[in-house]
Every structure is written in C-alpha cells, then in structure tokens.
C-alpha cells in the first residue's frame, strides 16, 4: 500500500537518520502534526526501523547500498543522494503531494495542511541563481503531476548507462528547469539563510555545525535532541 497522506519524505543513511533525521521528525510533529513523515534509510539497522514504527504518523523503508557503490564514502553518497528521489515513486501514490527533504533540516514555523497543499499545486525546486548548479536539491516539492516521473527517468538513465556522481540530481533538475518541467520555488522549505519567514531551515554544508550563521540552526535543533 503506497502512502496517500501528504507530508515529507527524507532519504538518508543510518548515521544521518540518527544524528539529524530524528530531529527533523520531532520538529515536523510540533509544527505540522497533520503531516506524514517517511524515511528511506540506506543501510538501516533494526533499531532504526523499530524506532520509526513506534512513532506517530511515521513510516520507513530501507535498502542496502549496492556493492558497486560501496567502495568508499564518496561512492555511497553519490548513490544515496541520487536514488533517494527515485524512491518517491516506490512509496508514494501518484496523487500524493510530498516534499522530499534533506535530513539536516528543521521545521521552525507552524505549517497548515491547507498552506502545504496550496504550495504544491505544481512541482517545484528552490534555486540559487549565482551557482553553477542553480537548483538546491535540499528539498524538492512533488505535486500530483509528471515531475516525479521525469526526474526519476533522468536519474535512472544515468544509473543504467553510466555511473552516479555527486550533484547529478542538481544537474538533472537544472535540465528540468530549462525545459519548463518543474517550477521554481523560494527558500520557504529549505532556508540556509535562516529567515524567520521560512517554514524550514537547512543546515546545508557546515551550517549544521554552526558556520555561516548556522548557530541559529544549531540552537533550534537542540530543542529536539
């Protein structure tokens, strides 16, 4: 049975799940109690899956990192960061709106289901126009449209004919931006500048450790540890 309840999905390895994912879950429970939270955990432990099954409005799936991507951490991260998006098709009903979000995020402001649905009338990706890869793959909003399928198609083409590299997901999202297959979004759901007007802050890069004004992210996260 696929997930039909709107909410958030987070793909991460067991380390990030325990260090950061549980904090994300607790913040979502406080600020968007209506939202379902699904974790796709790479190389999950039995304790990981037991924890998710004991939580309210929470589910989990898992997969073992393939041997061809398991020689070093760079290979593993390349696989995890790209396949997480493909797994949306495996676990979510086509009509279910969902925001696939990084583990190093924390919700900081109440979000109603009505606002969530309004913001997901069309699939979107936040952008940073000054970067080579404009798309910010720390969150992607999937509406009940074809964007989730197109994104997965582009990524699986790389997997089946080549080899995943870090930031392939951002490069494919940039292609979708150029072809008008996905809309642009501001930083409401993945704000690395930590504005009070945003729903979700992200500890992108070293911000999760306090760098670049990340102390705000660190202080809020402590509340849920």
C-alpha atoms as a PDB file:
ATOM      1  CA  UNK A   1       0.000   0.000   0.000  1.00  0.00           C
ATOM      2  CA  UNK A   2       1.521   3.314  -1.080  1.00  0.00           C
ATOM      3  CA  UNK A   3       1.418   6.436   1.060  1.00  0.00           C
ATOM      4  CA  UNK A   4      -1.625   8.618   0.390  1.00  0.00           C
ATOM      5  CA  UNK A   5      -1.200  11.130   3.200  1.00  0.00           C
ATOM      6  CA  UNK A   6       0.593  14.387   2.317  1.00  0.00           C
ATOM      7  CA  UNK A   7       3.762  15.279   4.149  1.00  0.00           C
ATOM      8  CA  UNK A   8       7.520  14.853   3.972  1.00  0.00           C
ATOM      9  CA  UNK A   9       9.985  12.216   2.837  1.00  0.00           C
ATOM     10  CA  UNK A  10      13.629  12.072   3.843  1.00  0.00           C
ATOM     11  CA  UNK A  11      16.238   9.823   2.277  1.00  0.00           C
ATOM     12  CA  UNK A  12      19.443   9.360   4.273  1.00  0.00           C
ATOM     13  CA  UNK A  13      21.867   6.800   5.648  1.00  0.00           C
ATOM     14  CA  UNK A  14      21.596   5.376   9.147  1.00  0.00           C
ATOM     15  CA  UNK A  15      24.144   7.849  10.550  1.00  0.00           C
ATOM     16  CA  UNK A  16      22.292  10.938   9.325  1.00  0.00           C
ATOM     17  CA  UNK A  17      18.985   9.390  10.335  1.00  0.00           C
ATOM     18  CA  UNK A  18      20.078   9.093  13.950  1.00  0.00           C
ATOM     19  CA  UNK A  19      22.025  12.356  14.124  1.00  0.00           C
ATOM     20  CA  UNK A  20      19.615  14.571  12.189  1.00  0.00           C
ATOM     21  CA  UNK A  21      16.550  12.754  10.875  1.00  0.00           C
ATOM     22  CA  UNK A  22      15.016  12.237  14.300  1.00  0.00           C
ATOM     23  CA  UNK A  23      15.380  15.970  14.988  1.00  0.00           C
ATOM     24  CA  UNK A  24      13.638  16.745  11.697  1.00  0.00           C
ATOM     25  CA  UNK A  25      10.810  14.365  12.604  1.00  0.00           C
ATOM     26  CA  UNK A  26      10.297  15.951  16.030  1.00  0.00           C
ATOM     27  CA  UNK A  27      10.163  19.443  14.530  1.00  0.00           C
ATOM     28  CA  UNK A  28       7.598  18.340  11.933  1.00  0.00           C
ATOM     29  CA  UNK A  29       5.479  16.790  14.673  1.00  0.00           C
ATOM     30  CA  UNK A  30       5.443  20.102  16.522  1.00  0.00           C
ATOM     31  CA  UNK A  31       4.765  22.438  13.612  1.00  0.00           C
ATOM     32  CA  UNK A  32       2.840  20.232  11.151  1.00  0.00           C
ATOM     33  CA  UNK A  33       1.246  17.481  13.209  1.00  0.00           C
ATOM     34  CA  UNK A  34      -1.045  16.528  10.306  1.00  0.00           C
ATOM     35  CA  UNK A  35       1.919  15.627   8.050  1.00  0.00           C
ATOM     36  CA  UNK A  36       3.080  12.085   7.434  1.00  0.00           C
ATOM     37  CA  UNK A  37       6.853  11.557   7.663  1.00  0.00           C
ATOM     38  CA  UNK A  38       8.523   8.796   5.667  1.00  0.00           C
ATOM     39  CA  UNK A  39      12.204   7.919   5.964  1.00  0.00           C
ATOM     40  CA  UNK A  40      14.036   5.937   3.307  1.00  0.00           C
ATOM     41  CA  UNK A  41      17.127   4.763   5.172  1.00  0.00           C
ATOM     42  CA  UNK A  42      20.147   3.420   3.343  1.00  0.00           C
ATOM     43  CA  UNK A  43      21.785   0.542   5.227  1.00  0.00           C
ATOM     44  CA  UNK A  44      19.245   0.817   8.021  1.00  0.00           C
ATOM     45  CA  UNK A  45      19.609  -1.077  11.279  1.00  0.00           C
ATOM     46  CA  UNK A  46      16.834  -2.984  13.011  1.00  0.00           C
ATOM     47  CA  UNK A  47      16.826  -0.260  15.679  1.00  0.00           C
ATOM     48  CA  UNK A  48      16.209   2.390  13.015  1.00  0.00           C
ATOM     49  CA  UNK A  49      13.146   0.596  11.704  1.00  0.00           C
ATOM     50  CA  UNK A  50      11.882  -0.188  15.192  1.00  0.00           C
ATOM     51  CA  UNK A  51      12.111   3.492  16.125  1.00  0.00           C
ATOM     52  CA  UNK A  52      10.142   4.691  13.100  1.00  0.00           C
ATOM     53  CA  UNK A  53       7.429   2.087  13.645  1.00  0.00           C
ATOM     54  CA  UNK A  54       6.990   3.308  17.224  1.00  0.00           C
ATOM     55  CA  UNK A  55       6.416   6.939  16.198  1.00  0.00           C
ATOM     56  CA  UNK A  56       3.139   8.604  15.326  1.00  0.00           C
ATOM     57  CA  UNK A  57       2.434   9.308  11.661  1.00  0.00           C
ATOM     58  CA  UNK A  58       5.827   7.924  10.634  1.00  0.00           C
ATOM     59  CA  UNK A  59       6.966   5.136   8.331  1.00  0.00           C
ATOM     60  CA  UNK A  60      10.224   3.853   6.907  1.00  0.00           C
ATOM     61  CA  UNK A  61      11.726   1.837   4.112  1.00  0.00           C
ATOM     62  CA  UNK A  62      15.317   0.706   3.619  1.00  0.00           C
ATOM     63  CA  UNK A  63      17.783  -0.590   1.070  1.00  0.00           C
ATOM     64  CA  UNK A  64      21.318  -1.882   1.091  1.00  0.00           C
ATOM     65  CA  UNK A  65      23.848   0.199  -0.818  1.00  0.00           C
ATOM     66  CA  UNK A  66      24.880  -1.802  -3.932  1.00  0.00           C
ATOM     67  CA  UNK A  67      28.392  -3.242  -3.941  1.00  0.00           C
ATOM     68  CA  UNK A  68      29.427  -1.153  -6.963  1.00  0.00           C
ATOM     69  CA  UNK A  69      28.780   1.990  -4.901  1.00  0.00           C
ATOM     70  CA  UNK A  70      30.152   0.690  -1.623  1.00  0.00           C
ATOM     71  CA  UNK A  71      33.911   1.043  -2.003  1.00  0.00           C
ATOM     72  CA  UNK A  72      34.205   4.414  -0.270  1.00  0.00           C
ATOM     73  CA  UNK A  73      32.091   7.166   1.257  1.00  0.00           C
ATOM     74  CA  UNK A  74      32.153   9.290  -1.914  1.00  0.00           C
ATOM     75  CA  UNK A  75      30.566   6.461  -3.916  1.00  0.00           C
ATOM     76  CA  UNK A  76      27.981   5.804  -1.230  1.00  0.00           C
ATOM     77  CA  UNK A  77      26.999   9.454  -1.008  1.00  0.00           C
ATOM     78  CA  UNK A  78      26.670   9.673  -4.785  1.00  0.00           C
ATOM     79  CA  UNK A  79      24.281   6.710  -4.760  1.00  0.00           C
ATOM     80  CA  UNK A  80      22.252   7.875  -1.780  1.00  0.00           C
ATOM     81  CA  UNK A  81      21.883  11.464  -2.984  1.00  0.00           C
ATOM     82  CA  UNK A  82      20.512  10.387  -6.354  1.00  0.00           C
ATOM     83  CA  UNK A  83      18.473   7.267  -5.638  1.00  0.00           C
ATOM     84  CA  UNK A  84      16.520   8.937  -2.815  1.00  0.00           C
ATOM     85  CA  UNK A  85      14.480  10.788  -5.456  1.00  0.00           C
ATOM     86  CA  UNK A  86      13.730   7.661  -7.458  1.00  0.00           C
ATOM     87  CA  UNK A  87      12.307   6.001  -4.341  1.00  0.00           C
ATOM     88  CA  UNK A  88       9.478   8.542  -4.199  1.00  0.00           C
ATOM     89  CA  UNK A  89       7.794   6.513  -6.955  1.00  0.00           C
ATOM     90  CA  UNK A  90       8.109   3.316  -4.932  1.00  0.00           C
ATOM     91  CA  UNK A  91       6.414   4.556  -1.783  1.00  0.00           C
ATOM     92  CA  UNK A  92       4.039   7.389  -2.703  1.00  0.00           C
ATOM     93  CA  UNK A  93       0.764   7.275  -4.562  1.00  0.00           C
ATOM     94  CA  UNK A  94       0.865   9.375  -7.733  1.00  0.00           C
ATOM     95  CA  UNK A  95      -1.767  11.737  -6.339  1.00  0.00           C
ATOM     96  CA  UNK A  96       0.002  12.360  -3.031  1.00  0.00           C
ATOM     97  CA  UNK A  97       1.852  15.680  -2.695  1.00  0.00           C
ATOM     98  CA  UNK A  98       5.138  15.303  -0.836  1.00  0.00           C
ATOM     99  CA  UNK A  99       8.239  17.354  -0.123  1.00  0.00           C
ATOM    100  CA  UNK A 100      11.402  15.266  -0.297  1.00  0.00           C
ATOM    101  CA  UNK A 101      13.746  16.968   2.123  1.00  0.00           C
ATOM    102  CA  UNK A 102      17.304  16.624   3.439  1.00  0.00           C
ATOM    103  CA  UNK A 103      17.927  15.156   6.876  1.00  0.00           C
ATOM    104  CA  UNK A 104      19.832  18.240   8.029  1.00  0.00           C
ATOM    105  CA  UNK A 105      16.687  20.351   8.118  1.00  0.00           C
ATOM    106  CA  UNK A 106      14.461  21.539  10.936  1.00  0.00           C
ATOM    107  CA  UNK A 107      10.955  22.966  10.806  1.00  0.00           C
ATOM    108  CA  UNK A 108      10.789  26.263  12.651  1.00  0.00           C
ATOM    109  CA  UNK A 109       7.310  27.624  11.978  1.00  0.00           C
ATOM    110  CA  UNK A 110       3.747  26.226  12.039  1.00  0.00           C
ATOM    111  CA  UNK A 111       2.570  24.957   8.663  1.00  0.00           C
ATOM    112  CA  UNK A 112      -1.078  24.191   7.960  1.00  0.00           C
ATOM    113  CA  UNK A 113      -2.124  21.426   5.623  1.00  0.00           C
ATOM    114  CA  UNK A 114      -4.043  23.990   3.585  1.00  0.00           C
ATOM    115  CA  UNK A 115      -0.888  26.047   3.020  1.00  0.00           C
ATOM    116  CA  UNK A 116       1.125  22.937   2.203  1.00  0.00           C
ATOM    117  CA  UNK A 117      -1.376  21.866  -0.462  1.00  0.00           C
ATOM    118  CA  UNK A 118      -1.541  25.383  -1.859  1.00  0.00           C
ATOM    119  CA  UNK A 119       2.247  25.412  -2.208  1.00  0.00           C
ATOM    120  CA  UNK A 120       2.198  22.072  -4.036  1.00  0.00           C
ATOM    121  CA  UNK A 121      -0.186  22.750  -6.875  1.00  0.00           C
ATOM    122  CA  UNK A 122       2.811  22.218  -9.166  1.00  0.00           C
ATOM    123  CA  UNK A 123       6.138  20.507  -8.532  1.00  0.00           C
ATOM    124  CA  UNK A 124       8.985  22.842  -7.632  1.00  0.00           C
ATOM    125  CA  UNK A 125      12.648  23.148  -6.756  1.00  0.00           C
ATOM    126  CA  UNK A 126      14.329  26.012  -4.850  1.00  0.00           C
ATOM    127  CA  UNK A 127      17.126  27.770  -6.687  1.00  0.00           C
ATOM    128  CA  UNK A 128      20.325  29.694  -6.053  1.00  0.00           C
ATOM    129  CA  UNK A 129      20.834  31.656  -9.312  1.00  0.00           C
ATOM    130  CA  UNK A 130      24.510  32.529  -8.708  1.00  0.00           C
ATOM    131  CA  UNK A 131      25.671  28.901  -8.518  1.00  0.00           C
ATOM    132  CA  UNK A 132      26.719  26.684 -11.435  1.00  0.00           C
ATOM    133  CA  UNK A 133      24.016  24.243 -10.399  1.00  0.00           C
ATOM    134  CA  UNK A 134      21.078  26.557  -9.879  1.00  0.00           C
ATOM    135  CA  UNK A 135      18.812  24.013  -8.226  1.00  0.00           C
ATOM    136  CA  UNK A 136      19.026  23.435  -4.489  1.00  0.00           C
ATOM    137  CA  UNK A 137      18.407  19.736  -4.027  1.00  0.00           C
ATOM    138  CA  UNK A 138      17.985  20.072  -0.276  1.00  0.00           C
ATOM    139  CA  UNK A 139      14.223  19.942  -0.932  1.00  0.00           C
ATOM    140  CA  UNK A 140      12.008  19.197  -3.914  1.00  0.00           C
ATOM    141  CA  UNK A 141       8.240  19.535  -3.819  1.00  0.00           C
ATOM    142  CA  UNK A 142       6.367  16.887  -5.803  1.00  0.00           C
ATOM    143  CA  UNK A 143       2.800  17.747  -6.792  1.00  0.00           C
ATOM    144  CA  UNK A 144       0.412  15.217  -8.403  1.00  0.00           C
ATOM    145  CA  UNK A 145       1.987  15.787 -11.818  1.00  0.00           C
ATOM    146  CA  UNK A 146       4.645  14.218 -14.044  1.00  0.00           C
ATOM    147  CA  UNK A 147       7.699  15.879 -12.499  1.00  0.00           C
ATOM    148  CA  UNK A 148       8.480  12.996 -10.126  1.00  0.00           C
ATOM    149  CA  UNK A 149       8.444  10.579 -13.066  1.00  0.00           C
ATOM    150  CA  UNK A 150      10.581  12.778 -15.297  1.00  0.00           C
ATOM    151  CA  UNK A 151      13.149  13.330 -12.543  1.00  0.00           C
ATOM    152  CA  UNK A 152      13.362   9.594 -11.863  1.00  0.00           C
ATOM    153  CA  UNK A 153      13.657   8.894 -15.581  1.00  0.00           C
ATOM    154  CA  UNK A 154      16.641  11.228 -15.947  1.00  0.00           C
ATOM    155  CA  UNK A 155      18.388   9.755 -12.912  1.00  0.00           C
ATOM    156  CA  UNK A 156      17.782   6.136 -13.896  1.00  0.00           C
ATOM    157  CA  UNK A 157      19.169   6.856 -17.344  1.00  0.00           C
ATOM    158  CA  UNK A 158      22.452   7.809 -15.657  1.00  0.00           C
ATOM    159  CA  UNK A 159      22.380   4.768 -13.383  1.00  0.00           C
ATOM    160  CA  UNK A 160      21.613   2.330 -16.197  1.00  0.00           C
ATOM    161  CA  UNK A 161      24.046   3.748 -18.746  1.00  0.00           C
ATOM    162  CA  UNK A 162      26.819   5.299 -16.695  1.00  0.00           C
ATOM    163  CA  UNK A 163      27.591   5.841 -13.000  1.00  0.00           C
ATOM    164  CA  UNK A 164      26.161   8.210 -10.426  1.00  0.00           C
ATOM    165  CA  UNK A 165      28.246  11.215  -9.478  1.00  0.00           C
ATOM    166  CA  UNK A 166      27.742  13.743  -6.716  1.00  0.00           C
ATOM    167  CA  UNK A 167      25.311  16.513  -7.788  1.00  0.00           C
ATOM    168  CA  UNK A 168      23.830  14.562 -10.712  1.00  0.00           C
ATOM    169  CA  UNK A 169      20.455  15.278  -9.137  1.00  0.00           C
ATOM    170  CA  UNK A 170      21.088  19.022  -9.300  1.00  0.00           C
ATOM    171  CA  UNK A 171      22.239  18.793 -12.900  1.00  0.00           C
ATOM    172  CA  UNK A 172      19.064  16.915 -13.862  1.00  0.00           C
ATOM    173  CA  UNK A 173      16.891  19.417 -12.017  1.00  0.00           C
ATOM    174  CA  UNK A 174      18.595  22.222 -13.928  1.00  0.00           C
ATOM    175  CA  UNK A 175      17.625  20.470 -17.165  1.00  0.00           C
ATOM    176  CA  UNK A 176      14.021  20.289 -15.959  1.00  0.00           C
ATOM    177  CA  UNK A 177      14.110  23.991 -15.105  1.00  0.00           C
ATOM    178  CA  UNK A 178      15.333  24.822 -18.600  1.00  0.00           C
ATOM    179  CA  UNK A 179      12.617  22.727 -20.241  1.00  0.00           C
ATOM    180  CA  UNK A 180       9.843  24.062 -18.013  1.00  0.00           C
ATOM    181  CA  UNK A 181       9.178  20.643 -16.456  1.00  0.00           C
ATOM    182  CA  UNK A 182       9.458  21.930 -12.899  1.00  0.00           C
ATOM    183  CA  UNK A 183       8.651  25.265 -11.270  1.00  0.00           C
ATOM    184  CA  UNK A 184      10.929  27.496  -9.238  1.00  0.00           C
ATOM    185  CA  UNK A 185      10.462  27.980  -5.505  1.00  0.00           C
ATOM    186  CA  UNK A 186      11.945  30.372  -2.984  1.00  0.00           C
ATOM    187  CA  UNK A 187      13.604  29.229   0.243  1.00  0.00           C
ATOM    188  CA  UNK A 188      10.418  28.696   2.272  1.00  0.00           C
ATOM    189  CA  UNK A 189      11.127  24.983   2.730  1.00  0.00           C
ATOM    190  CA  UNK A 190      14.918  24.951   2.676  1.00  0.00           C
ATOM    191  CA  UNK A 191      16.292  28.220   4.004  1.00  0.00           C
ATOM    192  CA  UNK A 192      20.061  28.288   4.522  1.00  0.00           C
ATOM    193  CA  UNK A 193      19.811  31.983   5.434  1.00  0.00           C
ATOM    194  CA  UNK A 194      17.620  31.207   8.475  1.00  0.00           C
ATOM    195  CA  UNK A 195      14.885  33.780   7.895  1.00  0.00           C
ATOM    196  CA  UNK A 196      12.002  33.879  10.348  1.00  0.00           C
ATOM    197  CA  UNK A 197       9.523  33.892   7.452  1.00  0.00           C
ATOM    198  CA  UNK A 198      10.526  30.402   6.280  1.00  0.00           C
ATOM    199  CA  UNK A 199       8.984  27.124   7.399  1.00  0.00           C
ATOM    200  CA  UNK A 200      12.144  25.035   7.239  1.00  0.00           C
ATOM    201  CA  UNK A 201      15.794  25.862   7.850  1.00  0.00           C
ATOM    202  CA  UNK A 202      18.565  23.733   6.395  1.00  0.00           C
ATOM    203  CA  UNK A 203      21.996  23.188   7.903  1.00  0.00           C
ATOM    204  CA  UNK A 204      23.498  22.866   4.431  1.00  0.00           C
ATOM    205  CA  UNK A 205      27.226  22.135   4.462  1.00  0.00           C
ATOM    206  CA  UNK A 206      28.970  23.282   7.614  1.00  0.00           C
ATOM    207  CA  UNK A 207      25.983  25.359   8.689  1.00  0.00           C
ATOM    208  CA  UNK A 208      24.754  22.337  10.648  1.00  0.00           C
ATOM    209  CA  UNK A 209      27.888  22.741  12.772  1.00  0.00           C
ATOM    210  CA  UNK A 210      27.361  26.451  13.337  1.00  0.00           C
ATOM    211  CA  UNK A 211      29.271  28.009  10.417  1.00  0.00           C
ATOM    212  CA  UNK A 212      27.855  30.893   8.327  1.00  0.00           C
ATOM    213  CA  UNK A 213      25.286  31.962  10.914  1.00  0.00           C
ATOM    214  CA  UNK A 214      24.409  28.312  11.440  1.00  0.00           C
ATOM    215  CA  UNK A 215      24.303  28.930  15.182  1.00  0.00           C
ATOM    216  CA  UNK A 216      20.587  29.651  14.680  1.00  0.00           C
ATOM    217  CA  UNK A 217      20.122  26.191  13.165  1.00  0.00           C
ATOM    218  CA  UNK A 218      22.129  24.585  15.965  1.00  0.00           C
ATOM    219  CA  UNK A 219      20.159  26.360  18.695  1.00  0.00           C
ATOM    220  CA  UNK A 220      16.779  25.368  17.247  1.00  0.00           C
ATOM    221  CA  UNK A 221      17.908  21.774  16.699  1.00  0.00           C
ATOM    222  CA  UNK A 222      18.919  21.401  20.352  1.00  0.00           C
ATOM    223  CA  UNK A 223      15.266  21.748  21.293  1.00  0.00           C
ATOM    224  CA  UNK A 224      14.502  18.397  19.646  1.00  0.00           C
ATOM    225  CA  UNK A 225      17.522  16.356  20.723  1.00  0.00           C
END
